[in-house]
Amino acid sequence: MKELSKGSLGASIYDRVAQDLVRGKLRPNQKITIRELAGALGTSSTPVRDAVQRLLQDQALEQRSVRDVRVPVLTVEQYLELSRIRAELEGLAAGCAAERAGARDVARLARITEQHEDAIAGGHATRAAGHNQRFHFALAEIAGMPVLLAILHRLWLRMGPLIAGYYAHAHQDMTQQHRAVIAACEAGDPAAARAAMRADIETAREGIIAYIGTLRT
């Protein structure tokens, strides 16, 4: 990580770690140490500790003991609840994006998907997971729904590490439904965009549940 500039260090560190969680650079059960984070970010322990406390309150991290802070391992029940919420909200985002998307928006989604596919082909699971997240958030941006985007960010604080870990083990086509969303946006078909996004989330459930099982054995 690059060193942070002076300023609101606590907020900057929170944003940096939150982004790493959302994009899956941190994985379930990974240990987070304040000393290592402070060293990597070129700052003292105090603002790092403040940021970690905020992430604990957000349930994005969990404290197992005084010196043991980790990325949580979701239970199957927790995952299913979050997945069902995502299917509703991200389906809404996709449908609204299809109503508003112009040629530049469609080109943006296609570009992200191409980068996503290149990362998969190159065996870069974390990079692929990051492009996956960018695609999902881009739909809420294109839809012009900042409140929904903020809600999705909080959901992905908990889901990002799990999705990225699953990516490292998945063998299915990870962009098929993204291509369907893009086609629906190009055609101005909100129902098709909504259905494709729901399918994208729902078809991964079996594999993600199996991945959770490997983390809890």
Protein backbone atom coordinates (compact mmCIF):
# COMPACT_ATOMS: atom_id res chain seq x y z
CA MET A 1 0.00 0.00 0.00
CA LYS A 2 1.14 3.57 -0.67
CA GLU A 3 1.70 5.84 2.31
CA LEU A 4 -1.20 8.11 3.21
CA SER A 5 -0.84 11.88 3.25
CA LYS A 6 -1.47 13.89 6.38
CA GLY A 7 -5.05 14.85 7.11
CA SER A 8 -8.03 12.87 8.26
CA LEU A 9 -6.06 9.69 8.76
CA GLY A 10 -8.77 7.74 10.54
CA ALA A 11 -11.26 8.32 7.74
CA SER A 12 -8.64 7.67 5.05
CA ILE A 13 -7.58 4.40 6.65
CA TYR A 14 -11.19 3.34 7.09
CA ASP A 15 -11.85 4.03 3.41
CA ARG A 16 -8.71 2.14 2.35
CA VAL A 17 -9.49 -0.99 4.38
CA ALA A 18 -13.18 -0.82 3.45
CA GLN A 19 -12.25 -0.73 -0.22
CA ASP A 20 -9.96 -3.73 0.25
CA LEU A 21 -12.87 -5.60 1.84
CA VAL A 22 -15.38 -4.60 -0.84
CA ARG A 23 -13.02 -5.58 -3.66
CA GLY A 24 -11.98 -8.82 -2.00
CA LYS A 25 -8.32 -8.00 -1.40
CA LEU A 26 -8.92 -9.28 2.13
CA ARG A 27 -10.29 -12.81 2.51
CA PRO A 28 -12.52 -14.52 5.09
CA ASN A 29 -10.66 -15.44 8.29
CA GLN A 30 -7.69 -13.23 7.37
CA LYS A 31 -6.08 -11.70 10.45
CA ILE A 32 -5.81 -7.90 10.65
CA THR A 33 -3.11 -6.45 12.91
CA ILE A 34 -3.00 -2.77 13.79
CA ARG A 35 0.80 -2.74 13.80
CA GLU A 36 1.07 -4.22 10.29
CA LEU A 37 -1.59 -1.89 8.92
CA ALA A 38 0.12 1.13 10.47
CA GLY A 39 3.45 0.07 8.97
CA ALA A 40 1.95 -0.54 5.52
CA LEU A 41 0.16 2.80 5.54
CA GLY A 42 3.04 4.79 7.03
CA THR A 43 1.14 6.08 10.03
CA SER A 44 0.85 5.59 13.78
CA SER A 45 -1.32 2.98 15.47
CA THR A 46 -3.93 5.41 16.83
CA PRO A 47 -5.78 6.29 13.58
CA VAL A 48 -5.55 2.65 12.48
CA ARG A 49 -7.13 1.56 15.75
CA ASP A 50 -9.92 4.11 15.25
CA ALA A 51 -10.59 2.81 11.73
CA VAL A 52 -10.62 -0.80 12.91
CA GLN A 53 -13.14 0.11 15.61
CA ARG A 54 -15.45 1.59 12.98
CA LEU A 55 -15.14 -1.55 10.85
CA LEU A 56 -15.93 -3.69 13.89
CA GLN A 57 -19.08 -1.62 14.44
CA ASP A 58 -20.00 -2.17 10.79
CA GLN A 59 -19.53 -5.94 11.29
CA ALA A 60 -17.00 -5.82 8.47
CA LEU A 61 -14.39 -7.14 10.90
CA GLU A 62 -14.79 -9.24 14.03
CA GLN A 63 -12.76 -9.32 17.25
CA ARG A 64 -12.16 -12.84 18.53
CA SER A 65 -9.86 -11.78 21.35
CA VAL A 66 -7.97 -8.69 22.48
CA ARG A 67 -5.24 -9.23 19.86
CA ASP A 68 -7.18 -11.20 17.26
CA VAL A 69 -9.17 -9.15 14.72
CA ARG A 70 -10.20 -10.97 11.55
CA VAL A 71 -12.28 -10.75 8.44
CA PRO A 72 -15.48 -12.62 9.41
CA VAL A 73 -16.46 -16.00 8.04
CA LEU A 74 -20.18 -15.69 7.31
CA THR A 75 -22.50 -18.50 8.27
CA VAL A 76 -24.62 -20.00 5.50
CA GLU A 77 -27.67 -18.31 7.02
CA GLN A 78 -25.96 -14.90 7.04
CA TYR A 79 -24.78 -15.36 3.47
CA LEU A 80 -28.24 -16.40 2.23
CA GLU A 81 -29.86 -13.37 3.84
CA LEU A 82 -27.32 -10.99 2.31
CA SER A 83 -27.60 -12.75 -1.06
CA ARG A 84 -31.38 -12.39 -1.12
CA ILE A 85 -31.14 -8.71 -0.22
CA ARG A 86 -28.56 -8.22 -2.97
CA ALA A 87 -30.76 -9.97 -5.53
CA GLU A 88 -33.59 -7.55 -4.81
CA LEU A 89 -31.53 -4.36 -4.63
CA GLU A 90 -29.09 -5.11 -7.43
CA GLY A 91 -31.91 -6.37 -9.61
CA LEU A 92 -33.55 -2.99 -9.03
CA ALA A 93 -30.30 -1.20 -9.92
CA ALA A 94 -29.92 -3.21 -13.13
CA GLY A 95 -33.51 -2.56 -14.18
CA CYS A 96 -33.23 1.17 -13.56
CA ALA A 97 -29.86 1.27 -15.32
CA ALA A 98 -31.44 -0.30 -18.40
CA GLU A 99 -34.00 2.50 -18.45
CA ARG A 100 -31.32 5.21 -18.36
CA ALA A 101 -28.23 3.73 -20.03
CA GLY A 102 -26.81 5.49 -23.06
CA ALA A 103 -24.15 4.32 -25.48
CA ARG A 104 -21.31 5.49 -23.21
CA ASP A 105 -22.80 3.63 -20.26
CA VAL A 106 -23.09 0.42 -22.28
CA ALA A 107 -19.49 0.85 -23.47
CA ARG A 108 -18.37 1.33 -19.85
CA LEU A 109 -20.06 -1.90 -18.75
CA ALA A 110 -18.60 -3.77 -21.72
CA ARG A 111 -15.11 -2.47 -20.92
CA ILE A 112 -15.35 -3.59 -17.29
CA THR A 113 -16.56 -7.01 -18.42
CA GLU A 114 -13.67 -7.37 -20.86
CA GLN A 115 -11.22 -6.55 -18.07
CA HIS A 116 -13.07 -9.03 -15.86
CA GLU A 117 -12.72 -11.78 -18.46
CA ASP A 118 -9.05 -10.98 -19.07
CA ALA A 119 -8.35 -11.27 -15.35
CA ILE A 120 -10.12 -14.64 -15.19
CA ALA A 121 -8.21 -15.90 -18.22
CA GLY A 122 -4.94 -14.82 -16.61
CA GLY A 123 -5.75 -16.59 -13.34
CA HIS A 124 -5.94 -13.34 -11.36
CA ALA A 125 -8.84 -14.14 -9.03
CA THR A 126 -8.56 -11.07 -6.81
CA ARG A 127 -8.36 -8.74 -9.81
CA ALA A 128 -11.34 -10.51 -11.41
CA ALA A 129 -13.35 -10.13 -8.22
CA GLY A 130 -12.53 -6.43 -8.19
CA HIS A 131 -13.85 -6.00 -11.72
CA ASN A 132 -16.97 -7.95 -10.74
CA GLN A 133 -17.58 -5.48 -7.93
CA ARG A 134 -17.01 -2.52 -10.26
CA PHE A 135 -19.64 -3.87 -12.65
CA HIS A 136 -22.25 -4.27 -9.93
CA PHE A 137 -21.64 -0.79 -8.51
CA ALA A 138 -21.57 0.77 -12.00
CA LEU A 139 -25.18 -0.28 -12.50
CA ALA A 140 -26.30 1.68 -9.45
CA GLU A 141 -24.27 4.67 -10.67
CA ILE A 142 -25.80 4.49 -14.16
CA ALA A 143 -29.23 4.16 -12.54
CA GLY A 144 -28.59 7.45 -10.71
CA MET A 145 -29.27 5.88 -7.29
CA PRO A 146 -26.65 7.14 -4.79
CA VAL A 147 -28.63 5.99 -1.75
CA LEU A 148 -28.81 2.46 -3.14
CA LEU A 149 -25.10 2.59 -3.96
CA ALA A 150 -24.30 3.47 -0.33
CA ILE A 151 -26.43 0.54 0.87
CA LEU A 152 -24.66 -1.80 -1.54
CA HIS A 153 -21.28 -0.61 -0.27
CA ARG A 154 -22.21 -1.68 3.26
CA LEU A 155 -23.49 -5.05 2.02
CA TRP A 156 -20.30 -5.62 0.05
CA LEU A 157 -18.14 -4.86 3.09
CA ARG A 158 -19.34 -8.26 4.28
CA MET A 159 -19.77 -9.98 0.92
CA GLY A 160 -16.62 -8.83 -0.90
CA PRO A 161 -14.13 -11.13 0.85
CA LEU A 162 -16.44 -14.13 0.43
CA ILE A 163 -17.05 -13.51 -3.27
CA ALA A 164 -13.33 -13.07 -3.93
CA GLY A 165 -12.50 -16.27 -2.10
CA TYR A 166 -15.12 -18.09 -4.14
CA TYR A 167 -13.64 -16.70 -7.34
CA ALA A 168 -10.36 -18.45 -6.61
CA HIS A 169 -12.18 -21.82 -6.66
CA ALA A 170 -15.02 -21.26 -9.17
CA HIS A 171 -15.13 -22.96 -12.56
CA GLN A 172 -18.39 -21.58 -13.98
CA ASP A 173 -18.76 -18.76 -16.50
CA MET A 174 -18.55 -15.69 -14.26
CA THR A 175 -19.59 -13.08 -16.85
CA GLN A 176 -22.43 -14.73 -18.78
CA GLN A 177 -25.13 -12.86 -16.90
CA HIS A 178 -23.13 -9.64 -17.02
CA ARG A 179 -23.21 -9.89 -20.80
CA ALA A 180 -26.97 -10.43 -20.59
CA VAL A 181 -27.31 -7.29 -18.43
CA ILE A 182 -25.29 -5.31 -20.99
CA ALA A 183 -27.52 -6.56 -23.83
CA ALA A 184 -30.60 -5.58 -21.83
CA CYS A 185 -29.19 -2.11 -21.16
CA GLU A 186 -28.43 -1.68 -24.85
CA ALA A 187 -31.98 -2.75 -25.72
CA GLY A 188 -33.56 -0.62 -22.99
CA ASP A 189 -35.17 -3.71 -21.42
CA PRO A 190 -35.37 -3.27 -17.62
CA ALA A 191 -37.14 -6.60 -17.00
CA ALA A 192 -34.41 -8.54 -18.78
CA ALA A 193 -31.66 -6.61 -16.96
CA ARG A 194 -33.30 -7.27 -13.61
CA ALA A 195 -33.71 -10.98 -14.36
CA ALA A 196 -30.10 -11.35 -15.52
CA MET A 197 -28.72 -9.66 -12.41
CA ARG A 198 -30.84 -11.82 -10.13
CA ALA A 199 -29.63 -14.90 -12.01
CA ASP A 200 -26.03 -13.73 -11.66
CA ILE A 201 -26.38 -13.61 -7.88
CA GLU A 202 -28.57 -16.69 -7.47
CA THR A 203 -26.55 -19.10 -9.63
CA ALA A 204 -23.48 -18.55 -7.46
CA ARG A 205 -25.23 -19.57 -4.25
CA GLU A 206 -24.49 -23.29 -4.37
CA GLY A 207 -20.80 -22.72 -5.03
CA ILE A 208 -20.46 -20.04 -2.36
CA ILE A 209 -22.18 -22.23 0.22
CA ALA A 210 -19.71 -25.01 -0.62
CA TYR A 211 -16.84 -22.53 -0.23
CA ILE A 212 -18.15 -21.45 3.19
CA GLY A 213 -18.05 -25.13 4.18
CA THR A 214 -14.30 -25.26 3.44
CA LEU A 215 -13.75 -22.25 5.74
CA ARG A 216 -15.59 -23.80 8.65
CA THR A 217 -13.98 -27.25 8.64
